[in-house]
Amino acid sequence: MLAEDNPRDVELTLEALSEHNLANKVVAVRDGVEVLEFLRYEGRFKHRTRENPAVLLLDIKMPRMNGIELLQTIRKDPALKFLPVVILTSSREESDLVKSYELGANAFVVKPVDFSQFIDVIKQIGVFWALINELPPEL
């Protein structure tokens, strides 16, 4: 799952993941409120398949509910507290990094500015979380 409001970054991320046949499993949403609706099977997502994503790629700078607020909400929810969350952001603020880990982020990745480096980072994230990492059973 990709929570990102920048359409260019969404497009690049999907392109990178498609090289490993992972893009067909990606749901992209525009803001933190939509993420919660997806994860809680609400609104337009109320009829989706009952399963959590392998990983949530979460940008800090999102409208309606930013990534830090969303991460805090996710970690307080018993049904979502073990969901892997990777902060994927342009922020280089140390306070964002510290706060993300304090709230239970599984990783903090600063988006590379260079196109080819960005694609490579996304591929590595996708392969690790979708193919290598072993998820806990859903509660």
C-alpha atoms as a PDB file:
ATOM      1  CA  MET A   1       0.000   0.000   0.000  1.00  0.00           C
ATOM      2  CA  LEU A   2       1.303   3.428  -0.958  1.00  0.00           C
ATOM      3  CA  ALA A   3       0.171   6.566   0.871  1.00  0.00           C
ATOM      4  CA  GLU A   4       1.487   9.404  -1.240  1.00  0.00           C
ATOM      5  CA  ASP A   5      -0.207  12.544  -2.548  1.00  0.00           C
ATOM      6  CA  ASN A   6       2.444  13.375  -5.198  1.00  0.00           C
ATOM      7  CA  PRO A   7       1.205  11.814  -8.481  1.00  0.00           C
ATOM      8  CA  ARG A   8       4.729  11.772  -9.964  1.00  0.00           C
ATOM      9  CA  ASP A   9       6.108   9.775  -7.026  1.00  0.00           C
ATOM     10  CA  VAL A  10       3.156   7.376  -7.226  1.00  0.00           C
ATOM     11  CA  GLU A  11       3.828   6.800 -10.923  1.00  0.00           C
ATOM     12  CA  LEU A  12       7.556   6.256 -10.371  1.00  0.00           C
ATOM     13  CA  THR A  13       6.920   3.888  -7.469  1.00  0.00           C
ATOM     14  CA  LEU A  14       4.473   1.787  -9.472  1.00  0.00           C
ATOM     15  CA  GLU A  15       6.914   1.684 -12.388  1.00  0.00           C
ATOM     16  CA  ALA A  16       9.734   0.469 -10.139  1.00  0.00           C
ATOM     17  CA  LEU A  17       7.582  -2.206  -8.509  1.00  0.00           C
ATOM     18  CA  SER A  18       6.232  -3.449 -11.829  1.00  0.00           C
ATOM     19  CA  GLU A  19       9.714  -4.626 -12.817  1.00  0.00           C
ATOM     20  CA  HIS A  20       9.371  -7.324 -10.135  1.00  0.00           C
ATOM     21  CA  ASN A  21       5.671  -7.937 -10.845  1.00  0.00           C
ATOM     22  CA  LEU A  22       4.708  -6.258  -7.569  1.00  0.00           C
ATOM     23  CA  ALA A  23       2.788  -3.232  -8.909  1.00  0.00           C
ATOM     24  CA  ASN A  24      -0.442  -5.164  -9.430  1.00  0.00           C
ATOM     25  CA  LYS A  25      -0.602  -5.611  -5.660  1.00  0.00           C
ATOM     26  CA  VAL A  26      -0.200  -1.891  -4.845  1.00  0.00           C
ATOM     27  CA  VAL A  27      -3.050   0.302  -3.675  1.00  0.00           C
ATOM     28  CA  ALA A  28      -2.248   4.017  -3.850  1.00  0.00           C
ATOM     29  CA  VAL A  29      -4.219   6.516  -1.778  1.00  0.00           C
ATOM     30  CA  ARG A  30      -4.003  10.308  -1.552  1.00  0.00           C
ATOM     31  CA  ASP A  31      -4.070  11.052   2.161  1.00  0.00           C
ATOM     32  CA  GLY A  32      -4.021   9.674   5.674  1.00  0.00           C
ATOM     33  CA  VAL A  33      -7.784   9.556   6.024  1.00  0.00           C
ATOM     34  CA  GLU A  34      -8.032   7.325   2.943  1.00  0.00           C
ATOM     35  CA  VAL A  35      -5.343   5.051   4.386  1.00  0.00           C
ATOM     36  CA  LEU A  36      -7.419   4.525   7.528  1.00  0.00           C
ATOM     37  CA  GLU A  37     -10.560   3.924   5.466  1.00  0.00           C
ATOM     38  CA  PHE A  38      -8.671   1.296   3.451  1.00  0.00           C
ATOM     39  CA  LEU A  39      -7.180  -0.398   6.497  1.00  0.00           C
ATOM     40  CA  ARG A  40     -10.484  -0.358   8.395  1.00  0.00           C
ATOM     41  CA  TYR A  41     -12.650  -1.448   5.414  1.00  0.00           C
ATOM     42  CA  GLU A  42     -14.629   1.785   5.393  1.00  0.00           C
ATOM     43  CA  GLY A  43     -16.029   4.115   2.724  1.00  0.00           C
ATOM     44  CA  ARG A  44     -15.165   3.074  -0.818  1.00  0.00           C
ATOM     45  CA  PHE A  45     -13.010   0.249   0.609  1.00  0.00           C
ATOM     46  CA  LYS A  46     -15.712  -1.449   2.694  1.00  0.00           C
ATOM     47  CA  HIS A  47     -15.999  -4.400   0.290  1.00  0.00           C
ATOM     48  CA  ARG A  48     -12.306  -5.028  -0.324  1.00  0.00           C
ATOM     49  CA  THR A  49     -10.687  -8.380   0.481  1.00  0.00           C
ATOM     50  CA  ARG A  50     -10.124  -8.890   4.203  1.00  0.00           C
ATOM     51  CA  GLU A  51      -6.341  -8.791   4.480  1.00  0.00           C
ATOM     52  CA  ASN A  52      -3.724  -6.285   5.510  1.00  0.00           C
ATOM     53  CA  PRO A  53      -1.113  -5.126   3.006  1.00  0.00           C
ATOM     54  CA  ALA A  54       2.390  -6.608   3.188  1.00  0.00           C
ATOM     55  CA  VAL A  55       3.724  -3.106   3.909  1.00  0.00           C
ATOM     56  CA  LEU A  56       2.517   0.483   4.055  1.00  0.00           C
ATOM     57  CA  LEU A  57       4.782   2.992   2.298  1.00  0.00           C
ATOM     58  CA  LEU A  58       3.895   6.176   4.102  1.00  0.00           C
ATOM     59  CA  ASP A  59       4.830   9.760   3.298  1.00  0.00           C
ATOM     60  CA  ILE A  60       4.996  12.176   6.219  1.00  0.00           C
ATOM     61  CA  LYS A  61       3.629  15.136   4.263  1.00  0.00           C
ATOM     62  CA  MET A  62       0.066  14.149   3.379  1.00  0.00           C
ATOM     63  CA  PRO A  63      -3.135  16.194   3.505  1.00  0.00           C
ATOM     64  CA  ARG A  64      -5.986  15.680   5.998  1.00  0.00           C
ATOM     65  CA  MET A  65      -3.841  13.467   8.283  1.00  0.00           C
ATOM     66  CA  ASN A  66      -0.079  13.534   8.051  1.00  0.00           C
ATOM     67  CA  GLY A  67       2.082  10.434   8.195  1.00  0.00           C
ATOM     68  CA  ILE A  68       3.154  10.920  11.811  1.00  0.00           C
ATOM     69  CA  GLU A  69      -0.470  11.210  12.992  1.00  0.00           C
ATOM     70  CA  LEU A  70      -1.418   8.216  10.875  1.00  0.00           C
ATOM     71  CA  LEU A  71       1.441   6.077  12.192  1.00  0.00           C
ATOM     72  CA  GLN A  72       0.418   6.925  15.752  1.00  0.00           C
ATOM     73  CA  THR A  73      -3.191   5.917  14.996  1.00  0.00           C
ATOM     74  CA  ILE A  74      -2.125   2.656  13.338  1.00  0.00           C
ATOM     75  CA  ARG A  75       0.079   1.616  16.251  1.00  0.00           C
ATOM     76  CA  LYS A  76      -2.777   2.167  18.732  1.00  0.00           C
ATOM     77  CA  ASP A  77      -5.152  -0.063  16.742  1.00  0.00           C
ATOM     78  CA  PRO A  78      -4.899  -3.731  17.853  1.00  0.00           C
ATOM     79  CA  ALA A  79      -5.825  -4.950  14.348  1.00  0.00           C
ATOM     80  CA  LEU A  80      -3.087  -2.860  12.707  1.00  0.00           C
ATOM     81  CA  LYS A  81      -0.316  -2.538  15.276  1.00  0.00           C
ATOM     82  CA  PHE A  82       1.900  -5.152  13.567  1.00  0.00           C
ATOM     83  CA  LEU A  83       1.421  -3.780  10.044  1.00  0.00           C
ATOM     84  CA  PRO A  84       4.883  -3.014   8.625  1.00  0.00           C
ATOM     85  CA  VAL A  85       5.193   0.720   7.986  1.00  0.00           C
ATOM     86  CA  VAL A  86       8.027   2.224   5.959  1.00  0.00           C
ATOM     87  CA  ILE A  87       8.268   5.984   6.070  1.00  0.00           C
ATOM     88  CA  LEU A  88       9.162   7.011   2.511  1.00  0.00           C
ATOM     89  CA  THR A  89       9.627  10.759   2.538  1.00  0.00           C
ATOM     90  CA  SER A  90      11.565  13.727   1.260  1.00  0.00           C
ATOM     91  CA  SER A  91      11.995  14.977   4.835  1.00  0.00           C
ATOM     92  CA  ARG A  92      15.515  15.033   6.175  1.00  0.00           C
ATOM     93  CA  GLU A  93      14.390  16.447   9.523  1.00  0.00           C
ATOM     94  CA  GLU A  94      15.963  14.544  12.387  1.00  0.00           C
ATOM     95  CA  SER A  95      12.826  15.150  14.444  1.00  0.00           C
ATOM     96  CA  ASP A  96      10.736  13.318  11.800  1.00  0.00           C
ATOM     97  CA  LEU A  97      13.164  10.395  11.839  1.00  0.00           C
ATOM     98  CA  VAL A  98      13.184  10.133  15.646  1.00  0.00           C
ATOM     99  CA  LYS A  99       9.416  10.548  15.967  1.00  0.00           C
ATOM    100  CA  SER A 100       8.780   7.909  13.283  1.00  0.00           C
ATOM    101  CA  TYR A 101      10.877   5.324  15.105  1.00  0.00           C
ATOM    102  CA  GLU A 102       9.427   6.309  18.493  1.00  0.00           C
ATOM    103  CA  LEU A 103       5.965   5.605  17.087  1.00  0.00           C
ATOM    104  CA  GLY A 104       6.968   2.207  15.709  1.00  0.00           C
ATOM    105  CA  ALA A 105       7.996   2.738  12.090  1.00  0.00           C
ATOM    106  CA  ASN A 106       9.796  -0.305  10.712  1.00  0.00           C
ATOM    107  CA  ALA A 107      12.037   1.791   8.463  1.00  0.00           C
ATOM    108  CA  PHE A 108      12.682   5.402   7.475  1.00  0.00           C
ATOM    109  CA  VAL A 109      13.791   6.011   3.883  1.00  0.00           C
ATOM    110  CA  VAL A 110      14.568   9.420   2.416  1.00  0.00           C
ATOM    111  CA  LYS A 111      13.493   9.575  -1.224  1.00  0.00           C
ATOM    112  CA  PRO A 112      16.536   9.998  -3.460  1.00  0.00           C
ATOM    113  CA  VAL A 113      16.326  12.997  -5.787  1.00  0.00           C
ATOM    114  CA  ASP A 114      18.043  11.120  -8.617  1.00  0.00           C
ATOM    115  CA  PHE A 115      15.530   9.202 -10.752  1.00  0.00           C
ATOM    116  CA  SER A 116      17.538   5.981 -11.122  1.00  0.00           C
ATOM    117  CA  GLN A 117      18.394   5.921  -7.412  1.00  0.00           C
ATOM    118  CA  PHE A 118      14.720   6.431  -6.544  1.00  0.00           C
ATOM    119  CA  ILE A 119      13.719   3.514  -8.771  1.00  0.00           C
ATOM    120  CA  ASP A 120      16.421   1.315  -7.213  1.00  0.00           C
ATOM    121  CA  VAL A 121      15.340   2.157  -3.654  1.00  0.00           C
ATOM    122  CA  ILE A 122      11.693   1.377  -4.435  1.00  0.00           C
ATOM    123  CA  LYS A 123      12.651  -1.960  -6.006  1.00  0.00           C
ATOM    124  CA  GLN A 124      14.660  -2.908  -2.926  1.00  0.00           C
ATOM    125  CA  ILE A 125      11.828  -1.937  -0.580  1.00  0.00           C
ATOM    126  CA  GLY A 126       9.300  -3.869  -2.656  1.00  0.00           C
ATOM    127  CA  VAL A 127      11.361  -7.018  -2.921  1.00  0.00           C
ATOM    128  CA  PHE A 128      12.219  -7.074   0.783  1.00  0.00           C
ATOM    129  CA  TRP A 129       8.738  -6.409   2.174  1.00  0.00           C
ATOM    130  CA  ALA A 130       6.730  -8.375  -0.399  1.00  0.00           C
ATOM    131  CA  LEU A 131       9.026 -11.345  -1.040  1.00  0.00           C
ATOM    132  CA  ILE A 132      11.641 -11.718   1.698  1.00  0.00           C
ATOM    133  CA  ASN A 133      10.070 -10.460   4.931  1.00  0.00           C
ATOM    134  CA  GLU A 134       7.915 -12.868   6.932  1.00  0.00           C
ATOM    135  CA  LEU A 135       4.748 -11.211   8.268  1.00  0.00           C
ATOM    136  CA  PRO A 136       3.105 -12.086  11.579  1.00  0.00           C
ATOM    137  CA  PRO A 137      -0.335 -13.710  11.348  1.00  0.00           C
ATOM    138  CA  GLU A 138      -3.245 -11.259  11.283  1.00  0.00           C
ATOM    139  CA  LEU A 139      -4.863 -10.804  14.643  1.00  0.00           C
END
